[in-house]
Protein backbone atom coordinates (compact mmCIF):
# COMPACT_ATOMS: atom_id res chain seq x y z
CA UNK A 1 151.16 -14.93 -18.30
CA UNK A 2 147.46 -13.69 -19.67
CA UNK A 3 145.29 -12.12 -16.63
CA UNK A 4 142.36 -14.13 -15.25
CA UNK A 5 138.87 -12.63 -15.97
CA UNK A 6 136.97 -11.64 -13.17
CA UNK A 7 134.34 -13.70 -12.09
CA UNK A 8 132.26 -11.75 -9.99
CA UNK A 9 131.73 -8.02 -10.55
CA UNK A 10 129.59 -6.14 -7.72
CA UNK A 11 128.12 -2.35 -8.89
CA UNK A 12 126.82 0.12 -6.44
CA UNK A 13 125.05 -2.59 -4.33
CA UNK A 14 122.79 -1.72 -2.02
CA UNK A 15 120.43 -3.36 0.61
CA UNK A 16 118.23 -1.76 3.35
CA UNK A 17 115.71 -3.01 5.44
CA UNK A 18 112.24 -1.37 7.04
CA UNK A 19 112.84 -0.78 10.32
CA UNK A 20 109.23 -0.13 11.80
CA UNK A 21 107.21 2.51 10.36
CA UNK A 22 109.51 4.82 8.81
CA UNK A 23 113.18 3.96 9.25
CA UNK A 24 115.44 2.43 7.00
CA UNK A 25 118.24 0.45 8.41
CA UNK A 26 121.17 0.18 5.43
CA UNK A 27 122.81 -2.02 5.64
CA UNK A 28 125.40 -1.96 2.35
CA UNK A 29 125.15 0.80 0.98
CA UNK A 30 126.75 1.41 -3.15
CA UNK A 31 129.89 -1.39 -2.37
CA UNK A 32 131.69 -1.77 -6.18
CA UNK A 33 134.64 -4.74 -6.15
CA UNK A 34 135.62 -7.54 -8.64
CA UNK A 35 137.10 -10.60 -7.96
CA UNK A 36 138.93 -12.44 -10.42
CA UNK A 37 138.07 -16.25 -11.06
CA UNK A 38 140.73 -18.76 -8.88
CA UNK A 39 141.55 -15.55 -6.09
CA UNK A 40 139.87 -15.08 -2.68
CA UNK A 41 139.01 -12.00 -1.60
CA UNK A 42 138.96 -11.16 2.12
CA UNK A 43 135.97 -8.94 3.66
CA UNK A 44 136.74 -7.34 7.29
CA UNK A 45 135.23 -5.09 9.29
CA UNK A 46 132.90 -4.60 12.95
CA UNK A 47 130.81 -6.68 13.41
CA UNK A 48 127.30 -4.86 11.64
CA UNK A 49 128.72 -3.07 9.28
CA UNK A 50 127.02 -5.58 7.27
CA UNK A 51 129.95 -7.32 5.98
CA UNK A 52 127.38 -10.51 6.28
CA UNK A 53 124.55 -9.33 4.28
CA UNK A 54 126.93 -9.00 1.18
CA UNK A 55 127.65 -12.09 1.22
CA UNK A 56 124.01 -13.43 1.09
CA UNK A 57 123.22 -11.01 -1.98
CA UNK A 58 125.88 -12.58 -3.90
CA UNK A 59 124.17 -15.81 -3.43
CA UNK A 60 121.16 -14.43 -3.22
CA UNK A 61 119.87 -14.94 -0.01
CA UNK A 62 118.73 -11.45 -0.45
CA UNK A 63 117.51 -9.17 -3.54
CA UNK A 64 119.12 -6.01 -3.21
CA UNK A 65 117.52 -2.71 -2.65
CA UNK A 66 119.87 -1.45 -5.51
CA UNK A 67 122.55 -2.14 -7.62
CA UNK A 68 123.97 -4.79 -9.81
CA UNK A 69 125.66 -7.99 -9.53
CA UNK A 70 127.05 -9.89 -12.48
CA UNK A 71 128.44 -13.24 -12.29
CA UNK A 72 130.33 -14.39 -15.43
CA UNK A 73 128.50 -11.26 -17.61
CA UNK A 74 124.90 -11.96 -16.29
CA UNK A 75 123.16 -9.84 -13.97
CA UNK A 76 121.97 -12.40 -11.31
CA UNK A 77 118.73 -10.50 -10.20
CA UNK A 78 117.43 -10.80 -14.06
CA UNK A 79 118.07 -14.52 -14.29
CA UNK A 80 114.99 -16.85 -14.51
CA UNK A 81 113.89 -20.48 -14.33
CA UNK A 82 116.63 -22.77 -15.46
CA UNK A 83 119.10 -19.69 -15.38
CA UNK A 84 118.25 -19.17 -12.04
CA UNK A 85 118.75 -23.21 -11.43
CA UNK A 86 122.16 -23.47 -13.14
CA UNK A 87 123.64 -19.88 -11.28
CA UNK A 88 122.84 -21.65 -7.56
CA UNK A 89 124.96 -24.61 -8.82
CA UNK A 90 127.34 -22.43 -9.24
CA UNK A 91 127.82 -19.70 -6.26
CA UNK A 92 127.39 -21.86 -2.55
CA UNK A 93 128.11 -20.27 0.72
CA UNK A 94 129.34 -21.91 4.17
CA UNK A 95 127.46 -20.52 6.88
CA UNK A 96 128.64 -19.33 10.76
CA UNK A 97 127.01 -21.48 12.54
CA UNK A 98 128.23 -25.30 11.26
CA UNK A 99 125.41 -26.71 13.77
CA UNK A 100 122.47 -24.34 13.06
CA UNK A 101 123.48 -24.67 9.27
CA UNK A 102 122.73 -28.43 9.25
CA UNK A 103 119.60 -30.36 10.19
CA UNK A 104 119.27 -32.17 12.82
CA UNK A 105 117.52 -34.74 12.03
CA UNK A 106 119.27 -35.25 8.50
CA UNK A 107 122.55 -37.61 8.61
CA UNK A 108 125.47 -36.13 7.47
CA UNK A 109 125.14 -38.57 4.13
CA UNK A 110 121.44 -37.22 3.18
CA UNK A 111 122.50 -33.47 4.16
CA UNK A 112 125.72 -33.67 1.52
CA UNK A 113 123.43 -34.69 -1.06
CA UNK A 114 120.82 -32.29 -0.85
CA UNK A 115 121.94 -30.25 -3.58
CA UNK A 116 122.80 -33.17 -5.25
CA UNK A 117 119.52 -34.93 -5.42
CA UNK A 118 117.80 -31.25 -5.94
CA UNK A 119 119.83 -31.05 -9.19
CA UNK A 120 119.80 -34.60 -9.56
CA UNK A 121 123.15 -35.35 -10.48
CA UNK A 122 123.56 -38.70 -9.38
CA UNK A 123 121.33 -41.27 -8.37
CA UNK A 124 122.13 -44.73 -6.54
CA UNK A 125 125.74 -46.19 -6.34
CA UNK A 126 127.07 -42.97 -8.37
CA UNK A 127 125.74 -40.93 -5.46
CA UNK A 128 127.09 -43.01 -3.10
CA UNK A 129 130.14 -42.63 -4.17
CA UNK A 130 130.21 -38.95 -4.55
CA UNK A 131 129.35 -38.62 -1.03
CA UNK A 132 132.45 -40.24 -0.03
CA UNK A 133 134.68 -38.68 -2.10
CA UNK A 134 133.33 -35.16 -0.49
CA UNK A 135 133.99 -37.08 2.72
CA UNK A 136 137.81 -37.52 1.72
CA UNK A 137 138.24 -34.40 0.50
CA UNK A 138 137.01 -32.10 3.65
CA UNK A 139 139.06 -34.73 6.26
CA UNK A 140 136.17 -37.34 7.16
CA UNK A 141 135.92 -41.00 6.78
CA UNK A 142 133.24 -43.02 5.19
CA UNK A 143 131.28 -44.08 8.30
CA UNK A 144 130.40 -40.37 8.88
CA UNK A 145 127.80 -40.23 6.19
CA UNK A 146 125.62 -42.68 8.26
CA UNK A 147 125.60 -39.98 11.21
CA UNK A 148 123.54 -36.95 12.70
CA UNK A 149 125.74 -33.73 13.46
CA UNK A 150 124.65 -33.44 17.16
CA UNK A 151 127.50 -36.83 17.18
CA UNK A 152 130.68 -34.36 15.62
CA UNK A 153 132.54 -31.55 16.66
CA UNK A 154 132.37 -27.82 15.36
CA UNK A 155 135.21 -28.68 13.40
CA UNK A 156 133.71 -31.69 12.06
CA UNK A 157 130.59 -29.76 11.76
CA UNK A 158 132.39 -27.28 9.60
CA UNK A 159 134.03 -29.65 7.64
CA UNK A 160 130.09 -31.08 6.86
CA UNK A 161 129.33 -28.27 5.71
CA UNK A 162 132.26 -27.08 3.07
CA UNK A 163 131.25 -30.59 1.98
CA UNK A 164 128.07 -29.78 0.92
CA UNK A 165 128.98 -26.70 -0.47
CA UNK A 166 131.39 -28.70 -2.81
CA UNK A 167 128.37 -30.95 -3.73
CA UNK A 168 127.54 -29.79 -6.20
CA UNK A 169 130.45 -28.70 -7.72
CA UNK A 170 130.47 -24.28 -7.20
CA UNK A 171 132.69 -21.88 -8.97
CA UNK A 172 132.53 -19.40 -6.21
CA UNK A 173 132.20 -20.45 -2.61
CA UNK A 174 130.86 -17.03 0.44
CA UNK A 175 132.63 -18.63 3.45
CA UNK A 176 130.41 -16.23 6.02
CA UNK A 177 132.89 -16.10 8.96
CA UNK A 178 133.28 -19.67 8.66
CA UNK A 179 136.01 -20.39 11.38
CA UNK A 180 134.85 -17.88 14.34
CA UNK A 181 132.65 -20.20 15.81
CA UNK A 182 135.70 -23.25 15.70
CA UNK A 183 137.96 -22.78 18.52
CA UNK A 184 141.58 -21.77 17.88
CA UNK A 185 142.92 -24.78 17.73
CA UNK A 186 141.02 -26.18 14.52
CA UNK A 187 140.75 -22.45 13.39
CA UNK A 188 144.15 -23.35 11.06
CA UNK A 189 142.36 -26.89 10.13
CA UNK A 190 139.71 -25.49 8.29
CA UNK A 191 141.08 -22.64 6.94
CA UNK A 192 144.09 -24.69 5.05
CA UNK A 193 141.42 -27.18 4.18
CA UNK A 194 140.09 -24.13 2.17
CA UNK A 195 143.19 -23.19 0.28
CA UNK A 196 143.86 -27.06 -0.84
CA UNK A 197 140.35 -27.15 -2.02
CA UNK A 198 140.61 -23.58 -3.90
CA UNK A 199 144.06 -25.50 -5.23
CA UNK A 200 142.39 -28.69 -6.12
CA UNK A 201 139.38 -27.20 -7.96
CA UNK A 202 140.23 -24.03 -9.21
CA UNK A 203 136.97 -22.50 -6.65
CA UNK A 204 137.22 -18.23 -5.72
CA UNK A 205 136.77 -17.49 -2.49
CA UNK A 206 134.59 -14.25 -0.66
CA UNK A 207 135.95 -14.66 2.80
CA UNK A 208 133.88 -12.91 5.25
CA UNK A 209 136.46 -12.18 8.57
CA UNK A 210 137.13 -10.71 11.78
CA UNK A 211 139.89 -12.06 12.45
CA UNK A 212 142.28 -10.11 10.78
CA UNK A 213 145.64 -12.24 11.18
CA UNK A 214 143.43 -15.24 9.14
CA UNK A 215 142.35 -13.08 6.64
CA UNK A 216 145.82 -12.26 5.76
CA UNK A 217 146.83 -15.57 5.69
CA UNK A 218 143.92 -17.46 2.77
CA UNK A 219 143.43 -13.64 1.10
CA UNK A 220 144.78 -12.01 -2.29
CA UNK A 221 143.13 -9.26 -1.92
CA UNK A 222 140.96 -7.80 1.40
CA UNK A 223 138.06 -5.14 1.28
CA UNK A 224 137.63 -3.05 4.58
CA UNK A 225 133.86 -2.43 5.18
CA UNK A 226 132.79 0.29 7.72
CA UNK A 227 128.97 1.00 8.35
CA UNK A 228 127.89 -0.62 4.30
CA UNK A 229 130.79 1.04 2.85
CA UNK A 230 134.13 -0.15 1.56
CA UNK A 231 136.99 2.32 2.69
CA UNK A 232 139.41 0.49 1.63
CA UNK A 233 140.57 -2.27 -0.54
CA UNK A 234 144.51 -3.14 -1.75
CA UNK A 235 146.25 -6.53 -2.44
CA UNK A 236 146.62 -8.43 0.76
CA UNK A 237 150.32 -7.54 1.77
CA UNK A 238 149.99 -3.67 0.77
CA UNK A 239 146.82 -3.55 2.94
CA UNK A 240 148.65 -4.97 5.76
CA UNK A 241 152.03 -3.49 5.19
CA UNK A 242 150.98 0.30 4.17
CA UNK A 243 147.06 1.18 5.13
CA UNK A 244 145.84 4.40 4.00
CA UNK A 245 142.29 4.73 6.14
CA UNK A 246 141.71 6.02 8.92
CA UNK A 247 140.06 3.19 10.64
CA UNK A 248 142.32 0.59 8.65
CA UNK A 249 144.84 1.91 10.27
CA UNK A 250 142.45 1.76 13.78
CA UNK A 251 142.14 -1.85 12.64
CA UNK A 252 145.97 -3.22 11.88
CA UNK A 253 147.75 -1.44 14.93
CA UNK A 254 145.18 -4.58 17.13
CA UNK A 255 146.38 -7.50 15.14
CA UNK A 256 148.88 -8.79 17.36
CA UNK A 257 152.67 -9.55 15.80
CA UNK A 258 154.46 -12.68 17.08
CA UNK A 259 157.56 -10.75 17.83
CA UNK A 260 157.68 -9.58 21.53
CA UNK A 261 159.84 -6.80 21.14
CA UNK A 262 157.95 -5.53 18.28
CA UNK A 263 154.47 -6.30 20.03
CA UNK A 264 155.66 -3.72 22.86
CA UNK A 265 157.31 -0.83 21.28
CA UNK A 266 153.68 -1.22 19.01
CA UNK A 267 151.22 1.59 19.58
CA UNK A 268 147.17 1.11 19.49
CA UNK A 269 145.30 3.57 17.77
CA UNK A 270 142.46 3.61 19.78
CA UNK A 271 139.17 4.67 18.19
CA UNK A 272 136.86 7.11 20.13
CA UNK A 273 133.42 7.57 20.47
CA UNK A 274 130.43 4.67 19.32
CA UNK A 275 129.85 3.10 16.08
CA UNK A 276 126.88 5.64 14.77
CA UNK A 277 123.65 3.14 13.89
CA UNK A 278 122.81 2.40 10.39
CA UNK A 279 119.31 3.38 10.88
CA UNK A 280 119.39 6.79 8.84
CA UNK A 281 122.43 7.52 8.67
CA UNK A 282 123.74 11.33 8.38
CA UNK A 283 125.29 12.23 5.17
CA UNK A 284 129.20 12.73 4.52
CA UNK A 285 131.64 10.24 5.96
CA UNK A 286 129.95 7.62 8.06
CA UNK A 287 133.71 7.16 9.73
CA UNK A 288 133.71 11.32 10.37
CA UNK A 289 132.74 10.79 14.04
CA UNK A 290 135.38 8.74 15.25
CA UNK A 291 138.38 10.08 13.29
CA UNK A 292 141.07 12.57 14.15
CA UNK A 293 141.34 13.85 10.90
CA UNK A 294 137.99 15.03 10.56
CA UNK A 295 137.15 18.35 8.76
CA UNK A 296 134.47 20.34 6.79
CA UNK A 297 135.13 18.51 4.04
CA UNK A 298 133.92 15.30 5.64
CA UNK A 299 130.48 16.68 5.53
CA UNK A 300 130.15 15.03 2.21
CA UNK A 301 131.00 11.37 1.12
CA UNK A 302 134.36 10.39 0.14
CA UNK A 303 135.02 9.01 -3.41
CA UNK A 304 136.33 5.80 -3.19
CA UNK A 305 139.37 6.16 -5.39
CA UNK A 306 142.31 4.36 -6.74
CA UNK A 307 145.43 5.97 -4.16
CA UNK A 308 148.38 3.46 -5.78
CA UNK A 309 148.19 1.00 -8.04
CA UNK A 310 145.41 -1.48 -7.09
CA UNK A 311 144.85 0.03 -3.50
CA UNK A 312 141.32 2.05 -3.31
CA UNK A 313 140.51 3.51 -0.69
CA UNK A 314 137.93 6.43 0.18
CA UNK A 315 139.14 9.53 2.18
CA UNK A 316 139.35 12.77 1.36
CA UNK A 317 142.63 13.04 3.56
CA UNK A 318 144.82 10.78 1.39
C-alpha cells in the first residue's frame, strides 16, 4: 500500500510575543513535525505550553516569528491574493468555546454559510440545500437553520461550529480543544462525529486537547508539548505503551485505567516545582527544573531525535 504524502510540514516554527518593554514570551519555540493526508495528529500538554498558538499559526490566524509551514508543498506565509484565499478554503479551525466563536446576531444558517458567501461558492436554492446537508451531516435538523446560537446547548453549538468549518470543503482542520467546554456525556458524541466526518470526507486533523484518553481514541500519532517545544512524538499506541520522556511518563501516569485493580496498583508520577515561565526562558532543557533525571547535560537543549522507528524524543537520558 502506497504511503500517503505529507499535507502539512512544520519546520522550526517559532511564535514570540513581546511582553512589556524588553521581555519576550516564547509561546512556540522550534517546533518541527509533519502530518500525512488523512491522518489525525494529536497535540497534548499542560495549559500555556503553546498548543493553541501552534494551531492558530497553522491556519494563519497568527504570523510566525520564525520557521516555515508548508501546506501541499507551498509556504503558507508567502501566499498572496488568490493563492492566500485558496489556502483559507483548504484549512479551517474548530474553536474551543462554541458560544464565543459564533456570532449571536446571526442565524445558524447564515453562520454556516458565511464562508460559502465569502468564497462565492453557492447562491439561492443551492446555498440553502448545502446548509441543510451540512446540518444533517453534523446531526442537526433543517429547522435549526433559522435559530440563533443562544437557543442551543453547548454540544449543539459545537456541531454548528463543525458545520461552519466544513462549509467550504477544507482538507485540513485544526480542532482546538473542541470538547473541553462540553459536558462529559457529550464529548464522546462529538469525537465520534469528527471521526465519522474524517472517514466520509477524507479530512486531516490537528487535534489539540488536554484529555489524554480522548486524544488516544481519535489520533493516529500524538505529540507532547512542554513550554513551547515538542518533547516526544510517536504513534498513539506506542506513546501510551512506552512513553520515553520523563514528562510524558508523568502525564501517562495520570490517565485513569478502566480496570479498578490495575488503577489501585498503579503509581502516579508527581512532578515537583512549578512550571517555568515562558517569558525569557533559561537556555537548556525546559523540563530540567522538574525532572528527577536532570544532570549537567541538561544545560544544553536536547536534540529532537528518532530514538526508535517513528518514535521521536528530546531528552539526553533516552
